[in-house]
Amino acid sequence: MQSPTPQVPRQPVPTRAGVEPLRSGGRPVRPGVEQDARLTVELASVLAAARRRAHRDADEQIDTAHLLHSLLETDPAVRAAFDGDPQVARVLGYLVQRSIGYGLRWQGTVEDSGAVPVLREDPVAGWSPAAVAAMNHALARAARRGDPRAAGLDLLAALAGDPSCRAVEVLERAGVDARSLAGRLSGAGRLG
């Protein structure tokens, strides 16, 4: 008798009022299961890890720095997109310092890069506006290349492409040229 395969719980991808919903077959994609189907298993794991990290850090929202941290810890393809292990180690070093000094000024503030208008009356519970925008851009990037599922590199390209988000602030403090990284990742809209 075979053991049942454990089911990994998937978290829904954030949606936001004021953002054009991504479409599947010409109709809006419903939150929850239908959007989960648009993520690779690895990217769904990244989102779950970012949610845990935000909770552990007592942050009210998942922001782009949480997403970047989880991407680097979880996805080998994302780590390979950087200029070697020392660069990845520097970025992770800044991210680890978030709760003990670097990034403390972020606590209690909403990350809003301006990519999505902030609608105070209808926020996406638990997600910063910039993180919502990054997820939407990652899904759109996958769709443009004809892939039904967004992957970690799609999200990394979206993060690196938003010069006003916290993830880019971390990248730049660690010596990563975020604009160059975004250009390499989005050059052909491909995965690597």
N, C-alpha and C. Protein backbone atom coordinates (compact mmCIF):
# COMPACT_ATOMS: atom_id res chain seq x y z
N MET A 1 0.83 -1.16 0.00
CA MET A 1 0.00 0.00 0.00
C MET A 1 0.89 1.24 0.00
N GLN A 2 0.53 2.21 -0.84
CA GLN A 2 1.31 3.43 -0.92
C GLN A 2 0.84 4.44 0.10
N SER A 3 1.80 5.18 0.63
CA SER A 3 1.45 6.28 1.53
C SER A 3 0.88 7.42 0.70
N PRO A 4 -0.09 8.11 1.23
CA PRO A 4 -0.60 9.25 0.48
C PRO A 4 0.47 10.35 0.38
N THR A 5 0.50 11.01 -0.75
CA THR A 5 1.45 12.11 -0.94
C THR A 5 0.99 13.29 -0.11
N PRO A 6 1.89 13.84 0.70
CA PRO A 6 1.47 14.98 1.52
C PRO A 6 1.12 16.17 0.63
N GLN A 7 0.07 16.85 0.97
CA GLN A 7 -0.35 18.03 0.23
C GLN A 7 0.27 19.27 0.86
N VAL A 8 0.95 20.05 0.05
CA VAL A 8 1.53 21.29 0.52
C VAL A 8 0.45 22.35 0.46
N PRO A 9 0.14 22.98 1.60
CA PRO A 9 -0.90 24.01 1.55
C PRO A 9 -0.43 25.18 0.71
N ARG A 10 -1.30 25.66 -0.14
CA ARG A 10 -0.98 26.80 -0.98
C ARG A 10 -1.73 28.00 -0.49
N GLN A 11 -1.06 29.12 -0.50
CA GLN A 11 -1.67 30.37 -0.10
C GLN A 11 -2.10 31.12 -1.35
N PRO A 12 -3.21 31.84 -1.29
CA PRO A 12 -3.63 32.58 -2.46
C PRO A 12 -2.69 33.72 -2.80
N VAL A 13 -2.57 34.01 -4.09
CA VAL A 13 -1.80 35.15 -4.55
C VAL A 13 -2.62 36.39 -4.26
N PRO A 14 -1.98 37.45 -3.80
CA PRO A 14 -2.75 38.64 -3.44
C PRO A 14 -3.42 39.26 -4.65
N THR A 15 -4.61 39.81 -4.43
CA THR A 15 -5.29 40.60 -5.44
C THR A 15 -5.58 41.94 -4.81
N ARG A 16 -5.88 42.91 -5.62
CA ARG A 16 -6.07 44.24 -5.09
C ARG A 16 -7.08 44.99 -5.94
N ALA A 17 -7.98 45.69 -5.29
CA ALA A 17 -8.90 46.56 -6.00
C ALA A 17 -8.08 47.62 -6.71
N GLY A 18 -8.48 48.00 -7.89
CA GLY A 18 -7.75 49.03 -8.62
C GLY A 18 -6.68 48.45 -9.53
N VAL A 19 -6.43 47.16 -9.46
CA VAL A 19 -5.47 46.52 -10.33
C VAL A 19 -6.25 45.63 -11.29
N GLU A 20 -5.97 45.76 -12.55
CA GLU A 20 -6.66 44.94 -13.54
C GLU A 20 -6.39 43.47 -13.21
N PRO A 21 -7.46 42.67 -13.00
CA PRO A 21 -7.22 41.27 -12.68
C PRO A 21 -6.61 40.54 -13.87
N LEU A 22 -5.72 39.63 -13.58
CA LEU A 22 -5.15 38.83 -14.65
C LEU A 22 -6.23 37.92 -15.19
N ARG A 23 -6.15 37.65 -16.45
CA ARG A 23 -7.23 36.92 -17.10
C ARG A 23 -6.77 35.53 -17.53
N SER A 24 -7.71 34.62 -17.48
CA SER A 24 -7.48 33.26 -17.94
C SER A 24 -8.61 32.93 -18.90
N GLY A 25 -8.29 32.72 -20.15
CA GLY A 25 -9.33 32.44 -21.12
C GLY A 25 -10.29 33.61 -21.30
N GLY A 26 -9.81 34.84 -21.15
CA GLY A 26 -10.63 36.01 -21.37
C GLY A 26 -11.47 36.44 -20.18
N ARG A 27 -11.39 35.71 -19.08
CA ARG A 27 -12.17 36.10 -17.90
C ARG A 27 -11.24 36.32 -16.73
N PRO A 28 -11.66 37.16 -15.76
CA PRO A 28 -10.79 37.40 -14.60
C PRO A 28 -10.50 36.11 -13.85
N VAL A 29 -9.29 36.02 -13.32
CA VAL A 29 -8.89 34.87 -12.51
C VAL A 29 -9.41 35.09 -11.10
N ARG A 30 -10.11 34.09 -10.56
CA ARG A 30 -10.63 34.18 -9.19
C ARG A 30 -9.49 34.02 -8.19
N PRO A 31 -9.57 34.72 -7.07
CA PRO A 31 -8.58 34.51 -6.02
C PRO A 31 -8.64 33.07 -5.52
N GLY A 32 -7.56 32.61 -4.93
CA GLY A 32 -7.54 31.28 -4.32
C GLY A 32 -6.98 30.23 -5.25
N VAL A 33 -7.70 29.15 -5.40
CA VAL A 33 -7.22 27.97 -6.12
C VAL A 33 -6.86 28.30 -7.56
N GLU A 34 -7.68 29.10 -8.23
CA GLU A 34 -7.41 29.40 -9.63
C GLU A 34 -6.10 30.17 -9.79
N GLN A 35 -5.80 31.10 -8.87
CA GLN A 35 -4.53 31.81 -8.94
C GLN A 35 -3.39 30.93 -8.49
N ASP A 36 -3.63 30.08 -7.50
CA ASP A 36 -2.58 29.15 -7.06
C ASP A 36 -2.09 28.30 -8.21
N ALA A 37 -2.98 27.95 -9.10
CA ALA A 37 -2.62 27.13 -10.25
C ALA A 37 -1.67 27.87 -11.18
N ARG A 38 -1.51 29.16 -11.01
CA ARG A 38 -0.64 29.96 -11.87
C ARG A 38 0.76 30.12 -11.29
N LEU A 39 1.07 29.38 -10.21
CA LEU A 39 2.38 29.44 -9.57
C LEU A 39 3.06 28.09 -9.65
N THR A 40 4.38 28.09 -9.80
CA THR A 40 5.10 26.83 -9.66
C THR A 40 5.03 26.43 -8.19
N VAL A 41 5.29 25.17 -7.92
CA VAL A 41 5.30 24.69 -6.53
C VAL A 41 6.36 25.46 -5.74
N GLU A 42 7.49 25.72 -6.37
CA GLU A 42 8.57 26.45 -5.69
C GLU A 42 8.13 27.87 -5.31
N LEU A 43 7.44 28.54 -6.23
CA LEU A 43 7.01 29.91 -5.93
C LEU A 43 5.92 29.91 -4.85
N ALA A 44 5.06 28.92 -4.85
CA ALA A 44 4.07 28.81 -3.78
C ALA A 44 4.78 28.62 -2.43
N SER A 45 5.87 27.87 -2.42
CA SER A 45 6.66 27.69 -1.19
C SER A 45 7.31 29.00 -0.76
N VAL A 46 7.76 29.79 -1.72
CA VAL A 46 8.35 31.10 -1.41
C VAL A 46 7.31 31.98 -0.72
N LEU A 47 6.09 32.00 -1.24
CA LEU A 47 5.04 32.84 -0.65
C LEU A 47 4.72 32.39 0.77
N ALA A 48 4.67 31.08 0.98
CA ALA A 48 4.40 30.56 2.33
C ALA A 48 5.54 30.95 3.28
N ALA A 49 6.78 30.87 2.81
CA ALA A 49 7.92 31.24 3.65
C ALA A 49 7.91 32.74 3.95
N ALA A 50 7.55 33.56 2.98
CA ALA A 50 7.47 35.01 3.20
C ALA A 50 6.40 35.33 4.23
N ARG A 51 5.29 34.64 4.16
CA ARG A 51 4.21 34.84 5.15
C ARG A 51 4.70 34.48 6.55
N ARG A 52 5.39 33.35 6.68
CA ARG A 52 5.92 32.95 7.99
C ARG A 52 6.95 33.95 8.50
N ARG A 53 7.80 34.43 7.60
CA ARG A 53 8.84 35.39 7.98
C ARG A 53 8.21 36.69 8.48
N ALA A 54 7.22 37.19 7.77
CA ALA A 54 6.54 38.43 8.20
C ALA A 54 5.89 38.24 9.56
N HIS A 55 5.26 37.10 9.76
CA HIS A 55 4.61 36.82 11.04
C HIS A 55 5.66 36.75 12.17
N ARG A 56 6.74 36.04 11.91
CA ARG A 56 7.80 35.88 12.92
C ARG A 56 8.44 37.22 13.27
N ASP A 57 8.57 38.10 12.27
CA ASP A 57 9.17 39.42 12.49
C ASP A 57 8.17 40.42 13.05
N ALA A 58 6.93 39.97 13.29
CA ALA A 58 5.86 40.83 13.80
C ALA A 58 5.54 41.97 12.85
N ASP A 59 5.72 41.73 11.55
CA ASP A 59 5.35 42.70 10.53
C ASP A 59 3.90 42.46 10.15
N GLU A 60 3.17 43.53 9.94
CA GLU A 60 1.76 43.40 9.60
C GLU A 60 1.54 42.96 8.16
N GLN A 61 2.53 43.21 7.31
CA GLN A 61 2.37 42.89 5.90
C GLN A 61 3.60 42.18 5.35
N ILE A 62 3.35 41.32 4.38
CA ILE A 62 4.44 40.77 3.58
C ILE A 62 4.87 41.89 2.65
N ASP A 63 6.15 42.20 2.65
CA ASP A 63 6.64 43.23 1.74
C ASP A 63 7.65 42.61 0.77
N THR A 64 8.20 43.43 -0.10
CA THR A 64 9.09 42.90 -1.13
C THR A 64 10.40 42.38 -0.56
N ALA A 65 10.83 42.90 0.59
CA ALA A 65 12.05 42.36 1.23
C ALA A 65 11.79 40.94 1.75
N HIS A 66 10.60 40.69 2.29
CA HIS A 66 10.25 39.32 2.70
C HIS A 66 10.27 38.38 1.49
N LEU A 67 9.71 38.85 0.38
CA LEU A 67 9.68 38.02 -0.83
C LEU A 67 11.09 37.73 -1.32
N LEU A 68 11.95 38.76 -1.35
CA LEU A 68 13.33 38.57 -1.79
C LEU A 68 14.07 37.59 -0.88
N HIS A 69 13.91 37.73 0.42
CA HIS A 69 14.57 36.84 1.38
C HIS A 69 14.16 35.39 1.12
N SER A 70 12.86 35.17 0.98
CA SER A 70 12.37 33.80 0.76
C SER A 70 12.82 33.26 -0.59
N LEU A 71 12.85 34.11 -1.61
CA LEU A 71 13.34 33.66 -2.92
C LEU A 71 14.78 33.18 -2.83
N LEU A 72 15.63 33.96 -2.18
CA LEU A 72 17.05 33.61 -2.07
C LEU A 72 17.26 32.33 -1.27
N GLU A 73 16.47 32.13 -0.23
CA GLU A 73 16.63 30.93 0.59
C GLU A 73 16.07 29.69 -0.08
N THR A 74 15.09 29.85 -0.95
CA THR A 74 14.33 28.71 -1.47
C THR A 74 14.70 28.30 -2.89
N ASP A 75 15.02 29.24 -3.76
CA ASP A 75 15.10 28.97 -5.19
C ASP A 75 16.53 29.04 -5.73
N PRO A 76 17.11 27.90 -6.11
CA PRO A 76 18.48 27.90 -6.65
C PRO A 76 18.61 28.71 -7.94
N ALA A 77 17.57 28.76 -8.76
CA ALA A 77 17.63 29.53 -10.01
C ALA A 77 17.75 31.02 -9.70
N VAL A 78 17.09 31.47 -8.64
CA VAL A 78 17.19 32.87 -8.23
C VAL A 78 18.60 33.17 -7.75
N ARG A 79 19.17 32.29 -6.93
CA ARG A 79 20.54 32.50 -6.46
C ARG A 79 21.52 32.55 -7.63
N ALA A 80 21.29 31.73 -8.62
CA ALA A 80 22.17 31.67 -9.79
C ALA A 80 22.10 32.94 -10.64
N ALA A 81 21.05 33.72 -10.49
CA ALA A 81 20.90 34.95 -11.27
C ALA A 81 21.84 36.06 -10.79
N PHE A 82 22.41 35.89 -9.61
CA PHE A 82 23.31 36.89 -9.05
C PHE A 82 24.74 36.61 -9.49
N ASP A 83 25.63 37.57 -9.25
CA ASP A 83 27.03 37.44 -9.64
C ASP A 83 27.82 36.69 -8.57
N GLY A 84 27.47 35.44 -8.36
CA GLY A 84 28.23 34.58 -7.46
C GLY A 84 27.74 34.54 -6.03
N ASP A 85 28.27 33.56 -5.30
CA ASP A 85 27.88 33.34 -3.92
C ASP A 85 28.19 34.51 -2.98
N PRO A 86 29.32 35.23 -3.15
CA PRO A 86 29.56 36.36 -2.24
C PRO A 86 28.47 37.43 -2.33
N GLN A 87 27.97 37.67 -3.53
CA GLN A 87 26.90 38.67 -3.69
C GLN A 87 25.62 38.19 -3.00
N VAL A 88 25.28 36.94 -3.18
CA VAL A 88 24.10 36.37 -2.52
C VAL A 88 24.26 36.46 -1.00
N ALA A 89 25.45 36.15 -0.51
CA ALA A 89 25.71 36.21 0.94
C ALA A 89 25.54 37.64 1.47
N ARG A 90 26.00 38.64 0.71
CA ARG A 90 25.84 40.03 1.15
C ARG A 90 24.37 40.42 1.22
N VAL A 91 23.60 40.03 0.21
CA VAL A 91 22.16 40.34 0.21
C VAL A 91 21.48 39.66 1.39
N LEU A 92 21.77 38.38 1.59
CA LEU A 92 21.17 37.66 2.73
C LEU A 92 21.59 38.29 4.05
N GLY A 93 22.83 38.77 4.12
CA GLY A 93 23.30 39.43 5.33
C GLY A 93 22.45 40.65 5.68
N TYR A 94 22.14 41.47 4.68
CA TYR A 94 21.27 42.62 4.94
C TYR A 94 19.87 42.18 5.34
N LEU A 95 19.37 41.17 4.68
CA LEU A 95 18.01 40.70 4.99
C LEU A 95 17.91 40.13 6.40
N VAL A 96 18.94 39.41 6.83
CA VAL A 96 18.95 38.84 8.17
C VAL A 96 18.98 39.95 9.22
N GLN A 97 19.65 41.05 8.93
CA GLN A 97 19.74 42.16 9.87
C GLN A 97 18.43 42.93 10.02
N ARG A 98 17.44 42.62 9.20
CA ARG A 98 16.19 43.35 9.21
C ARG A 98 15.58 43.47 10.61
N SER A 99 15.57 42.38 11.34
CA SER A 99 14.89 42.39 12.64
C SER A 99 15.80 42.84 13.79
N ILE A 100 17.09 43.04 13.52
CA ILE A 100 17.99 43.44 14.61
C ILE A 100 18.63 44.80 14.36
N GLY A 101 18.14 45.53 13.41
CA GLY A 101 18.71 46.85 13.18
C GLY A 101 18.33 47.40 11.83
N TYR A 102 18.92 46.82 10.77
CA TYR A 102 18.61 47.29 9.44
C TYR A 102 17.15 46.95 9.14
N GLY A 103 16.40 47.90 8.72
CA GLY A 103 15.00 47.65 8.39
C GLY A 103 14.03 47.92 9.52
N LEU A 104 14.53 48.20 10.74
CA LEU A 104 13.62 48.49 11.85
C LEU A 104 12.76 49.72 11.55
N ARG A 105 13.30 50.64 10.76
CA ARG A 105 12.51 51.82 10.43
C ARG A 105 11.31 51.48 9.56
N TRP A 106 11.31 50.28 8.98
CA TRP A 106 10.17 49.84 8.16
C TRP A 106 9.00 49.38 9.02
N GLN A 107 9.28 48.96 10.26
CA GLN A 107 8.21 48.42 11.09
C GLN A 107 7.12 49.46 11.30
N GLY A 108 5.89 49.01 11.14
CA GLY A 108 4.75 49.88 11.34
C GLY A 108 4.46 50.79 10.16
N THR A 109 5.20 50.63 9.06
CA THR A 109 4.94 51.44 7.87
C THR A 109 4.48 50.55 6.73
N VAL A 110 3.75 51.14 5.80
CA VAL A 110 3.28 50.42 4.63
C VAL A 110 4.25 50.66 3.50
N GLU A 111 4.72 49.58 2.89
CA GLU A 111 5.60 49.71 1.73
C GLU A 111 4.73 50.03 0.53
N ASP A 112 4.97 51.18 -0.07
CA ASP A 112 4.23 51.58 -1.26
C ASP A 112 5.20 52.21 -2.23
N SER A 113 5.52 51.48 -3.27
CA SER A 113 6.50 51.98 -4.24
C SER A 113 5.87 52.90 -5.26
N GLY A 114 4.54 53.02 -5.23
CA GLY A 114 3.86 53.83 -6.22
C GLY A 114 3.44 53.03 -7.43
N ALA A 115 3.82 51.75 -7.49
CA ALA A 115 3.46 50.92 -8.62
C ALA A 115 1.96 50.66 -8.66
N VAL A 116 1.33 50.64 -7.50
CA VAL A 116 -0.11 50.43 -7.39
C VAL A 116 -0.64 51.56 -6.52
N PRO A 117 -1.69 52.25 -6.96
CA PRO A 117 -2.23 53.30 -6.09
C PRO A 117 -2.70 52.69 -4.77
N VAL A 118 -2.34 53.35 -3.67
CA VAL A 118 -2.75 52.86 -2.36
C VAL A 118 -4.21 53.24 -2.15
N LEU A 119 -5.04 52.25 -1.94
CA LEU A 119 -6.45 52.48 -1.67
C LEU A 119 -6.69 52.11 -0.22
N ARG A 120 -6.64 53.08 0.63
CA ARG A 120 -6.72 52.83 2.07
C ARG A 120 -7.99 52.09 2.45
N GLU A 121 -9.07 52.30 1.71
CA GLU A 121 -10.32 51.66 2.11
C GLU A 121 -10.38 50.19 1.71
N ASP A 122 -9.51 49.72 0.83
CA ASP A 122 -9.59 48.34 0.38
C ASP A 122 -8.20 47.73 0.21
N PRO A 123 -7.41 47.67 1.29
CA PRO A 123 -6.08 47.08 1.16
C PRO A 123 -6.17 45.57 1.02
N VAL A 124 -5.12 44.98 0.50
CA VAL A 124 -5.03 43.52 0.46
C VAL A 124 -4.48 43.11 1.81
N ALA A 125 -5.30 42.42 2.57
CA ALA A 125 -4.91 42.05 3.93
C ALA A 125 -3.62 41.27 3.92
N GLY A 126 -2.64 41.77 4.68
CA GLY A 126 -1.39 41.06 4.87
C GLY A 126 -0.35 41.26 3.78
N TRP A 127 -0.60 42.13 2.79
CA TRP A 127 0.35 42.34 1.70
C TRP A 127 0.57 43.83 1.49
N SER A 128 1.81 44.23 1.29
CA SER A 128 2.08 45.63 0.94
C SER A 128 1.67 45.86 -0.51
N PRO A 129 1.31 47.09 -0.86
CA PRO A 129 0.96 47.37 -2.25
C PRO A 129 2.08 47.00 -3.23
N ALA A 130 3.33 47.23 -2.84
CA ALA A 130 4.45 46.89 -3.72
C ALA A 130 4.58 45.38 -3.91
N ALA A 131 4.30 44.60 -2.87
CA ALA A 131 4.35 43.13 -2.99
C ALA A 131 3.23 42.64 -3.90
N VAL A 132 2.05 43.25 -3.79
CA VAL A 132 0.93 42.90 -4.68
C VAL A 132 1.32 43.18 -6.13
N ALA A 133 1.89 44.36 -6.36
CA ALA A 133 2.31 44.73 -7.72
C ALA A 133 3.35 43.75 -8.25
N ALA A 134 4.31 43.37 -7.41
CA ALA A 134 5.35 42.43 -7.84
C ALA A 134 4.74 41.08 -8.24
N MET A 135 3.79 40.59 -7.44
CA MET A 135 3.16 39.31 -7.78
C MET A 135 2.39 39.42 -9.09
N ASN A 136 1.67 40.52 -9.29
CA ASN A 136 0.94 40.70 -10.54
C ASN A 136 1.89 40.78 -11.73
N HIS A 137 3.03 41.47 -11.56
CA HIS A 137 4.01 41.55 -12.65
C HIS A 137 4.63 40.18 -12.93
N ALA A 138 4.88 39.40 -11.90
CA ALA A 138 5.44 38.05 -12.10
C ALA A 138 4.46 37.18 -12.89
N LEU A 139 3.19 37.24 -12.55
CA LEU A 139 2.17 36.47 -13.28
C LEU A 139 2.07 36.94 -14.73
N ALA A 140 2.11 38.25 -14.94
CA ALA A 140 2.03 38.79 -16.29
C ALA A 140 3.26 38.41 -17.11
N ARG A 141 4.42 38.41 -16.49
CA ARG A 141 5.67 38.04 -17.18
C ARG A 141 5.60 36.59 -17.65
N ALA A 142 5.11 35.71 -16.79
CA ALA A 142 4.97 34.30 -17.19
C ALA A 142 3.98 34.18 -18.34
N ALA A 143 2.88 34.89 -18.27
CA ALA A 143 1.87 34.82 -19.33
C ALA A 143 2.43 35.32 -20.66
N ARG A 144 3.25 36.39 -20.63
CA ARG A 144 3.84 36.92 -21.87
C ARG A 144 4.73 35.91 -22.56
N ARG A 145 5.41 35.08 -21.80
CA ARG A 145 6.27 34.09 -22.45
C ARG A 145 5.51 32.81 -22.74
N GLY A 146 4.20 32.79 -22.44
CA GLY A 146 3.37 31.64 -22.75
C GLY A 146 3.41 30.54 -21.71
N ASP A 147 3.93 30.85 -20.54
CA ASP A 147 4.00 29.85 -19.47
C ASP A 147 2.79 30.01 -18.57
N PRO A 148 2.09 28.94 -18.27
CA PRO A 148 0.90 29.05 -17.42
C PRO A 148 1.22 29.30 -15.95
N ARG A 149 2.49 29.14 -15.54
CA ARG A 149 2.86 29.29 -14.14
C ARG A 149 4.02 30.27 -13.97
N ALA A 150 3.88 31.15 -13.00
CA ALA A 150 4.97 32.07 -12.65
C ALA A 150 5.97 31.32 -11.78
N ALA A 151 7.23 31.65 -11.96
CA ALA A 151 8.30 31.01 -11.21
C ALA A 151 9.08 32.06 -10.42
N GLY A 152 10.05 31.60 -9.65
CA GLY A 152 10.85 32.49 -8.82
C GLY A 152 11.56 33.58 -9.61
N LEU A 153 12.09 33.25 -10.78
CA LEU A 153 12.78 34.27 -11.57
C LEU A 153 11.81 35.34 -12.07
N ASP A 154 10.55 34.97 -12.29
CA ASP A 154 9.55 35.98 -12.67
C ASP A 154 9.38 36.99 -11.54
N LEU A 155 9.30 36.47 -10.31
CA LEU A 155 9.14 37.36 -9.17
C LEU A 155 10.40 38.19 -8.94
N LEU A 156 11.57 37.58 -9.09
CA LEU A 156 12.82 38.33 -8.93
C LEU A 156 12.89 39.47 -9.94
N ALA A 157 12.52 39.21 -11.20
CA ALA A 157 12.53 40.25 -12.23
C ALA A 157 11.58 41.38 -11.85
N ALA A 158 10.41 41.03 -11.32
CA ALA A 158 9.44 42.05 -10.91
C ALA A 158 9.98 42.88 -9.75
N LEU A 159 10.61 42.23 -8.78
CA LEU A 159 11.17 42.95 -7.64
C LEU A 159 12.30 43.88 -8.09
N ALA A 160 13.23 43.36 -8.86
CA ALA A 160 14.39 44.16 -9.30
C ALA A 160 13.96 45.31 -10.22
N GLY A 161 12.82 45.17 -10.87
CA GLY A 161 12.34 46.19 -11.79
C GLY A 161 11.58 47.34 -11.13
N ASP A 162 11.37 47.28 -9.83
CA ASP A 162 10.66 48.35 -9.12
C ASP A 162 11.67 49.13 -8.27
N PRO A 163 12.20 50.23 -8.81
CA PRO A 163 13.28 50.94 -8.12
C PRO A 163 12.91 51.53 -6.77
N SER A 164 11.62 51.61 -6.45
CA SER A 164 11.21 52.22 -5.19
C SER A 164 10.83 51.21 -4.11
N CYS A 165 11.01 49.92 -4.38
CA CYS A 165 10.58 48.93 -3.38
C CYS A 165 11.72 48.60 -2.41
N ARG A 166 11.35 48.01 -1.29
CA ARG A 166 12.32 47.65 -0.25
C ARG A 166 13.32 46.62 -0.73
N ALA A 167 12.88 45.70 -1.57
CA ALA A 167 13.81 44.68 -2.08
C ALA A 167 14.96 45.33 -2.84
N VAL A 168 14.66 46.35 -3.64
CA VAL A 168 15.72 47.04 -4.39
C VAL A 168 16.62 47.81 -3.44
N GLU A 169 16.06 48.38 -2.39
CA GLU A 169 16.89 49.06 -1.39
C GLU A 169 17.90 48.09 -0.79
N VAL A 170 17.44 46.89 -0.46
CA VAL A 170 18.34 45.87 0.09
C VAL A 170 19.38 45.48 -0.94
N LEU A 171 18.96 45.23 -2.17
CA LEU A 171 19.90 44.84 -3.22
C LEU A 171 20.99 45.90 -3.39
N GLU A 172 20.59 47.15 -3.46
CA GLU A 172 21.57 48.22 -3.67
C GLU A 172 22.52 48.38 -2.49
N ARG A 173 22.02 48.25 -1.28
CA ARG A 173 22.90 48.34 -0.10
C ARG A 173 23.91 47.19 -0.09
N ALA A 174 23.54 46.07 -0.69
CA ALA A 174 24.44 44.91 -0.75
C ALA A 174 25.35 44.96 -1.97
N GLY A 175 25.27 46.04 -2.75
CA GLY A 175 26.16 46.19 -3.90
C GLY A 175 25.66 45.56 -5.18
N VAL A 176 24.38 45.22 -5.25
CA VAL A 176 23.81 44.63 -6.47
C VAL A 176 23.22 45.76 -7.31
N ASP A 177 23.55 45.80 -8.58
CA ASP A 177 22.95 46.76 -9.50
C ASP A 177 21.59 46.19 -9.91
N ALA A 178 20.53 46.64 -9.22
CA ALA A 178 19.19 46.10 -9.44
C ALA A 178 18.71 46.35 -10.86
N ARG A 179 19.05 47.50 -11.40
CA ARG A 179 18.62 47.81 -12.77
C ARG A 179 19.25 46.84 -13.78
N SER A 180 20.52 46.55 -13.59
CA SER A 180 21.21 45.59 -14.46
C SER A 180 20.62 44.18 -14.29
N LEU A 181 20.36 43.80 -13.04
CA LEU A 181 19.75 42.50 -12.76
C LEU A 181 18.39 42.39 -13.44
N ALA A 182 17.57 43.42 -13.32
CA ALA A 182 16.25 43.42 -13.95
C ALA A 182 16.38 43.32 -15.46
N GLY A 183 17.35 44.05 -16.02
CA GLY A 183 17.57 43.99 -17.46
C GLY A 183 17.98 42.60 -17.94
N ARG A 184 18.88 41.96 -17.19
CA ARG A 184 19.30 40.60 -17.57
C ARG A 184 18.11 39.64 -17.52
N LEU A 185 17.29 39.77 -16.48
CA LEU A 185 16.18 38.84 -16.31
C LEU A 185 15.05 39.08 -17.31
N SER A 186 14.84 40.34 -17.68
CA SER A 186 13.71 40.61 -18.55
C SER A 186 14.11 40.78 -20.00
N GLY A 187 15.41 40.69 -20.29
CA GLY A 187 15.90 40.88 -21.65
C GLY A 187 15.09 40.15 -22.71
N ALA A 188 14.85 38.89 -22.50
CA ALA A 188 14.06 38.13 -23.46
C ALA A 188 12.76 37.65 -22.85
N GLY A 189 12.46 38.09 -21.62
CA GLY A 189 11.25 37.64 -20.96
C GLY A 189 11.27 36.15 -20.67
N ARG A 190 12.46 35.60 -20.61
CA ARG A 190 12.57 34.15 -20.41
C ARG A 190 12.97 33.85 -18.98
N LEU A 191 13.07 32.59 -18.70
CA LEU A 191 13.40 32.16 -17.33
C LEU A 191 14.87 31.88 -17.16
N GLY A 192 15.75 32.65 -17.41
CA GLY A 192 17.12 32.32 -17.05
C GLY A 192 18.06 32.19 -18.14
